[in-house]
Amino acid sequence: MLGSRIKIIGDGIVATLNADSDLSARVFSLRKKPYNRGRSWQPGGHVVPMQTRDGQQESQIDERIFRFLVLVVDQGDGDLSGGLADHLGAIERVENIFGRKSHEFMPLSLRTTAQAALTAATTAGKFPATTIQATDIEYATPFVDGAFEGGYDASSVVVSVRCLINRLDARSL
């Protein structure tokens, strides 16, 4: 059975967001898309995997950047200004949790729990050794048009998790 670094790291992001007392009104989940299959939205928080990026190359170790779209979705009330402070405050909190964090400043669920799961998967032979190095954010759409038109306020930010990955994979030798 294949292992997935994306799933392990995404679960770590979800655990971090669900453990934060300022975001406790929303329940975050790892999803394929930010909306339901019928293209309808629902209140809460969503973590959606995006394409990974390759970072700088080293001799035996590669850097890979795992990216996730994090959305905060609130039921809109038809007012263009109602609930604005709470909604934007939630997305700012996500930015503060993950922006420019490395090593001991990184959220605990990524630094310990997700790293332990990555190490266990490596030991089980699912993929080469992977070490989480840092998190950062990139700004995304402040108000997603499709959600807004459907009666929801949805804001997003891209959370990036930088990892070092051993290049050598014993299965391909």
C-alpha atoms as a PDB file:
ATOM      1  CA  MET A   1       0.000   0.000   0.000  1.00  0.00           C
ATOM      2  CA  LEU A   2       1.276   3.426  -0.922  1.00  0.00           C
ATOM      3  CA  GLY A   3       1.870   6.118   1.652  1.00  0.00           C
ATOM      4  CA  SER A   4       1.140   9.817   1.203  1.00  0.00           C
ATOM      5  CA  ARG A   5       3.235  12.631   2.610  1.00  0.00           C
ATOM      6  CA  ILE A   6       0.526  15.037   1.447  1.00  0.00           C
ATOM      7  CA  LYS A   7      -2.100  13.289   3.586  1.00  0.00           C
ATOM      8  CA  ILE A   8       0.156  13.145   6.654  1.00  0.00           C
ATOM      9  CA  ILE A   9       1.112  16.823   6.428  1.00  0.00           C
ATOM     10  CA  GLY A  10      -2.467  17.857   5.629  1.00  0.00           C
ATOM     11  CA  ASP A  11      -3.713  15.997   8.695  1.00  0.00           C
ATOM     12  CA  GLY A  12      -1.108  17.892  10.748  1.00  0.00           C
ATOM     13  CA  ILE A  13      -2.406  21.227   9.437  1.00  0.00           C
ATOM     14  CA  VAL A  14      -5.995  20.205  10.231  1.00  0.00           C
ATOM     15  CA  ALA A  15      -4.997  19.149  13.780  1.00  0.00           C
ATOM     16  CA  THR A  16      -3.250  22.491  14.317  1.00  0.00           C
ATOM     17  CA  LEU A  17      -6.259  24.513  13.193  1.00  0.00           C
ATOM     18  CA  ASN A  18      -8.774  22.440  15.173  1.00  0.00           C
ATOM     19  CA  ALA A  19      -6.667  22.783  18.334  1.00  0.00           C
ATOM     20  CA  ASP A  20      -6.582  26.588  18.140  1.00  0.00           C
ATOM     21  CA  SER A  21      -9.080  28.174  20.550  1.00  0.00           C
ATOM     22  CA  ASP A  22      -9.617  31.222  18.294  1.00  0.00           C
ATOM     23  CA  LEU A  23     -10.749  28.969  15.445  1.00  0.00           C
ATOM     24  CA  SER A  24     -12.775  26.500  17.533  1.00  0.00           C
ATOM     25  CA  ALA A  25     -16.107  27.672  16.063  1.00  0.00           C
ATOM     26  CA  ARG A  26     -15.047  26.135  12.741  1.00  0.00           C
ATOM     27  CA  VAL A  27     -14.267  22.467  12.278  1.00  0.00           C
ATOM     28  CA  PHE A  28     -11.484  22.021   9.744  1.00  0.00           C
ATOM     29  CA  SER A  29     -11.217  18.933   7.569  1.00  0.00           C
ATOM     30  CA  LEU A  30      -8.913  17.723   4.818  1.00  0.00           C
ATOM     31  CA  ARG A  31     -10.922  17.641   1.595  1.00  0.00           C
ATOM     32  CA  LYS A  32     -10.492  17.171  -2.135  1.00  0.00           C
ATOM     33  CA  LYS A  33     -12.303  20.432  -2.920  1.00  0.00           C
ATOM     34  CA  PRO A  34     -13.484  23.351  -0.778  1.00  0.00           C
ATOM     35  CA  TYR A  35     -17.127  22.760  -1.720  1.00  0.00           C
ATOM     36  CA  ASN A  36     -19.440  19.758  -1.998  1.00  0.00           C
ATOM     37  CA  ARG A  37     -19.773  17.765  -5.209  1.00  0.00           C
ATOM     38  CA  GLY A  38     -22.918  19.696  -6.105  1.00  0.00           C
ATOM     39  CA  ARG A  39     -20.816  22.870  -5.967  1.00  0.00           C
ATOM     40  CA  SER A  40     -22.547  24.081  -2.827  1.00  0.00           C
ATOM     41  CA  TRP A  41     -20.573  25.525   0.047  1.00  0.00           C
ATOM     42  CA  GLN A  42     -20.910  24.822   3.753  1.00  0.00           C
ATOM     43  CA  PRO A  43     -19.685  26.724   6.828  1.00  0.00           C
ATOM     44  CA  GLY A  44     -16.502  25.598   8.525  1.00  0.00           C
ATOM     45  CA  GLY A  45     -12.875  25.259   7.552  1.00  0.00           C
ATOM     46  CA  HIS A  46     -11.355  23.318   4.706  1.00  0.00           C
ATOM     47  CA  VAL A  47      -7.790  22.239   3.946  1.00  0.00           C
ATOM     48  CA  VAL A  48      -7.343  21.306   0.288  1.00  0.00           C
ATOM     49  CA  PRO A  49      -4.100  19.845  -1.140  1.00  0.00           C
ATOM     50  CA  MET A  50      -2.520  21.750  -4.016  1.00  0.00           C
ATOM     51  CA  GLN A  51       0.389  20.874  -6.302  1.00  0.00           C
ATOM     52  CA  THR A  52       3.745  20.490  -4.602  1.00  0.00           C
ATOM     53  CA  ARG A  53       6.778  22.483  -5.673  1.00  0.00           C
ATOM     54  CA  ASP A  54      10.407  21.527  -5.759  1.00  0.00           C
ATOM     55  CA  GLY A  55      12.687  23.817  -3.821  1.00  0.00           C
ATOM     56  CA  GLN A  56      16.444  24.018  -3.878  1.00  0.00           C
ATOM     57  CA  GLN A  57      18.377  20.867  -4.734  1.00  0.00           C
ATOM     58  CA  GLU A  58      21.172  19.572  -2.540  1.00  0.00           C
ATOM     59  CA  SER A  59      23.592  16.684  -3.098  1.00  0.00           C
ATOM     60  CA  GLN A  60      21.632  13.760  -1.587  1.00  0.00           C
ATOM     61  CA  ILE A  61      18.612  15.628  -0.251  1.00  0.00           C
ATOM     62  CA  ASP A  62      15.860  17.456  -2.126  1.00  0.00           C
ATOM     63  CA  GLU A  63      13.589  20.141  -0.804  1.00  0.00           C
ATOM     64  CA  ARG A  64       9.904  19.766  -1.576  1.00  0.00           C
ATOM     65  CA  ILE A  65       7.237  22.313  -0.731  1.00  0.00           C
ATOM     66  CA  PHE A  66       3.815  20.846   0.053  1.00  0.00           C
ATOM     67  CA  ARG A  67       1.060  23.423  -0.485  1.00  0.00           C
ATOM     68  CA  PHE A  68      -2.479  23.501   0.912  1.00  0.00           C
ATOM     69  CA  LEU A  69      -5.336  25.924   0.333  1.00  0.00           C
ATOM     70  CA  VAL A  70      -6.883  26.717   3.713  1.00  0.00           C
ATOM     71  CA  LEU A  71     -10.386  28.197   3.561  1.00  0.00           C
ATOM     72  CA  VAL A  72     -12.536  29.744   6.239  1.00  0.00           C
ATOM     73  CA  VAL A  73     -16.215  29.618   5.247  1.00  0.00           C
ATOM     74  CA  ASP A  74     -19.010  31.450   7.078  1.00  0.00           C
ATOM     75  CA  GLN A  75     -22.709  31.612   6.269  1.00  0.00           C
ATOM     76  CA  GLY A  76     -23.281  35.042   4.719  1.00  0.00           C
ATOM     77  CA  ASP A  77     -26.241  37.153   5.701  1.00  0.00           C
ATOM     78  CA  GLY A  78     -26.622  39.105   2.460  1.00  0.00           C
ATOM     79  CA  ASP A  79     -24.981  42.143   4.039  1.00  0.00           C
ATOM     80  CA  LEU A  80     -21.768  43.364   2.454  1.00  0.00           C
ATOM     81  CA  SER A  81     -20.280  44.400   5.803  1.00  0.00           C
ATOM     82  CA  GLY A  82     -21.873  42.114   8.424  1.00  0.00           C
ATOM     83  CA  GLY A  83     -19.540  39.709  10.239  1.00  0.00           C
ATOM     84  CA  LEU A  84     -16.519  41.121   8.463  1.00  0.00           C
ATOM     85  CA  ALA A  85     -14.251  41.491  11.507  1.00  0.00           C
ATOM     86  CA  ASP A  86     -14.788  37.922  12.748  1.00  0.00           C
ATOM     87  CA  HIS A  87     -14.402  36.401   9.284  1.00  0.00           C
ATOM     88  CA  LEU A  88     -11.233  38.282   8.401  1.00  0.00           C
ATOM     89  CA  GLY A  89      -9.895  37.744  11.915  1.00  0.00           C
ATOM     90  CA  ALA A  90     -10.149  33.971  11.388  1.00  0.00           C
ATOM     91  CA  ILE A  91      -8.135  34.017   8.165  1.00  0.00           C
ATOM     92  CA  GLU A  92      -5.573  36.339   9.790  1.00  0.00           C
ATOM     93  CA  ARG A  93      -5.241  33.819  12.635  1.00  0.00           C
ATOM     94  CA  VAL A  94      -4.443  31.072  10.114  1.00  0.00           C
ATOM     95  CA  GLU A  95      -1.797  33.356   8.568  1.00  0.00           C
ATOM     96  CA  ASN A  96      -0.278  34.039  12.002  1.00  0.00           C
ATOM     97  CA  ILE A  97      -0.130  30.340  12.919  1.00  0.00           C
ATOM     98  CA  PHE A  98       1.800  29.272   9.798  1.00  0.00           C
ATOM     99  CA  GLY A  99       3.572  32.417   8.528  1.00  0.00           C
ATOM    100  CA  ARG A 100       7.399  32.198   8.571  1.00  0.00           C
ATOM    101  CA  LYS A 101       7.675  29.443  11.204  1.00  0.00           C
ATOM    102  CA  SER A 102      10.564  27.048  11.525  1.00  0.00           C
ATOM    103  CA  HIS A 103      11.764  24.421  13.988  1.00  0.00           C
ATOM    104  CA  GLU A 104      10.683  25.225  17.559  1.00  0.00           C
ATOM    105  CA  PHE A 105       8.334  28.016  16.401  1.00  0.00           C
ATOM    106  CA  MET A 106       6.441  25.641  14.115  1.00  0.00           C
ATOM    107  CA  PRO A 107       3.025  24.370  15.256  1.00  0.00           C
ATOM    108  CA  LEU A 108       3.456  21.392  17.570  1.00  0.00           C
ATOM    109  CA  SER A 109       1.177  19.060  15.609  1.00  0.00           C
ATOM    110  CA  LEU A 110       3.443  19.408  12.571  1.00  0.00           C
ATOM    111  CA  ARG A 111       6.751  19.352  14.413  1.00  0.00           C
ATOM    112  CA  THR A 112       6.007  16.259  16.471  1.00  0.00           C
ATOM    113  CA  THR A 113       2.871  14.353  15.438  1.00  0.00           C
ATOM    114  CA  ALA A 114       3.147  14.726  11.651  1.00  0.00           C
ATOM    115  CA  GLN A 115       6.920  14.218  11.795  1.00  0.00           C
ATOM    116  CA  ALA A 116       6.430  11.008  13.799  1.00  0.00           C
ATOM    117  CA  ALA A 117       3.934   9.751  11.191  1.00  0.00           C
ATOM    118  CA  LEU A 118       6.393  10.571   8.378  1.00  0.00           C
ATOM    119  CA  THR A 119       9.164   8.716  10.215  1.00  0.00           C
ATOM    120  CA  ALA A 120       6.913   5.675  10.778  1.00  0.00           C
ATOM    121  CA  ALA A 121       5.984   5.613   7.069  1.00  0.00           C
ATOM    122  CA  THR A 122       9.676   5.784   6.160  1.00  0.00           C
ATOM    123  CA  THR A 123      10.439   2.881   8.521  1.00  0.00           C
ATOM    124  CA  ALA A 124       7.603   0.914   6.898  1.00  0.00           C
ATOM    125  CA  GLY A 125       9.242   1.504   3.501  1.00  0.00           C
ATOM    126  CA  LYS A 126       6.476   3.680   2.063  1.00  0.00           C
ATOM    127  CA  PHE A 127       8.790   6.536   0.981  1.00  0.00           C
ATOM    128  CA  PRO A 128      12.265   7.979   1.651  1.00  0.00           C
ATOM    129  CA  ALA A 129      13.048   9.861   4.857  1.00  0.00           C
ATOM    130  CA  THR A 130      11.198  13.178   5.059  1.00  0.00           C
ATOM    131  CA  THR A 131      11.910  15.958   7.565  1.00  0.00           C
ATOM    132  CA  ILE A 132       9.627  18.960   8.049  1.00  0.00           C
ATOM    133  CA  GLN A 133      11.678  22.153   8.065  1.00  0.00           C
ATOM    134  CA  ALA A 134       9.382  25.186   8.002  1.00  0.00           C
ATOM    135  CA  THR A 135       5.937  26.572   7.235  1.00  0.00           C
ATOM    136  CA  ASP A 136       4.967  29.742   5.414  1.00  0.00           C
ATOM    137  CA  ILE A 137       1.943  31.344   3.806  1.00  0.00           C
ATOM    138  CA  GLU A 138       1.077  32.886   0.469  1.00  0.00           C
ATOM    139  CA  TYR A 139      -1.903  35.141   0.071  1.00  0.00           C
ATOM    140  CA  ALA A 140      -4.837  33.720  -1.868  1.00  0.00           C
ATOM    141  CA  THR A 141      -8.319  34.968  -2.765  1.00  0.00           C
ATOM    142  CA  PRO A 142      -9.697  37.241  -0.020  1.00  0.00           C
ATOM    143  CA  PHE A 143     -13.344  36.517  -0.917  1.00  0.00           C
ATOM    144  CA  VAL A 144     -14.061  33.577  -3.200  1.00  0.00           C
ATOM    145  CA  ASP A 145     -16.651  34.737  -5.766  1.00  0.00           C
ATOM    146  CA  GLY A 146     -18.493  31.416  -6.123  1.00  0.00           C
ATOM    147  CA  ALA A 147     -19.038  31.156  -2.372  1.00  0.00           C
ATOM    148  CA  PHE A 148     -20.027  34.807  -2.041  1.00  0.00           C
ATOM    149  CA  GLU A 149     -22.634  34.461  -4.781  1.00  0.00           C
ATOM    150  CA  GLY A 150     -23.985  31.352  -3.047  1.00  0.00           C
ATOM    151  CA  GLY A 151     -24.567  33.193   0.242  1.00  0.00           C
ATOM    152  CA  TYR A 152     -21.284  32.376   2.016  1.00  0.00           C
ATOM    153  CA  ASP A 153     -18.209  34.333   2.967  1.00  0.00           C
ATOM    154  CA  ALA A 154     -15.101  32.320   2.083  1.00  0.00           C
ATOM    155  CA  SER A 155     -11.535  33.551   2.392  1.00  0.00           C
ATOM    156  CA  SER A 156      -8.402  31.563   1.715  1.00  0.00           C
ATOM    157  CA  VAL A 157      -4.671  31.423   2.260  1.00  0.00           C
ATOM    158  CA  VAL A 158      -2.060  29.011   0.909  1.00  0.00           C
ATOM    159  CA  VAL A 159      -0.059  27.228   3.622  1.00  0.00           C
ATOM    160  CA  SER A 160       3.313  25.880   2.476  1.00  0.00           C
ATOM    161  CA  VAL A 161       5.240  23.212   4.365  1.00  0.00           C
ATOM    162  CA  ARG A 162       8.911  22.838   3.400  1.00  0.00           C
ATOM    163  CA  CYS A 163      10.409  19.373   3.768  1.00  0.00           C
ATOM    164  CA  LEU A 164      13.790  17.805   3.135  1.00  0.00           C
ATOM    165  CA  ILE A 165      13.518  14.430   1.428  1.00  0.00           C
ATOM    166  CA  ASN A 166      16.276  11.871   0.980  1.00  0.00           C
ATOM    167  CA  ARG A 167      16.811  11.372  -2.714  1.00  0.00           C
ATOM    168  CA  LEU A 168      17.791   7.713  -2.477  1.00  0.00           C
ATOM    169  CA  ASP A 169      14.890   5.288  -2.367  1.00  0.00           C
ATOM    170  CA  ALA A 170      15.999   1.706  -1.636  1.00  0.00           C
ATOM    171  CA  ARG A 171      13.098   0.292  -3.670  1.00  0.00           C
ATOM    172  CA  SER A 172      14.450   1.823  -6.880  1.00  0.00           C
ATOM    173  CA  LEU A 173      18.050   0.619  -6.448  1.00  0.00           C
END
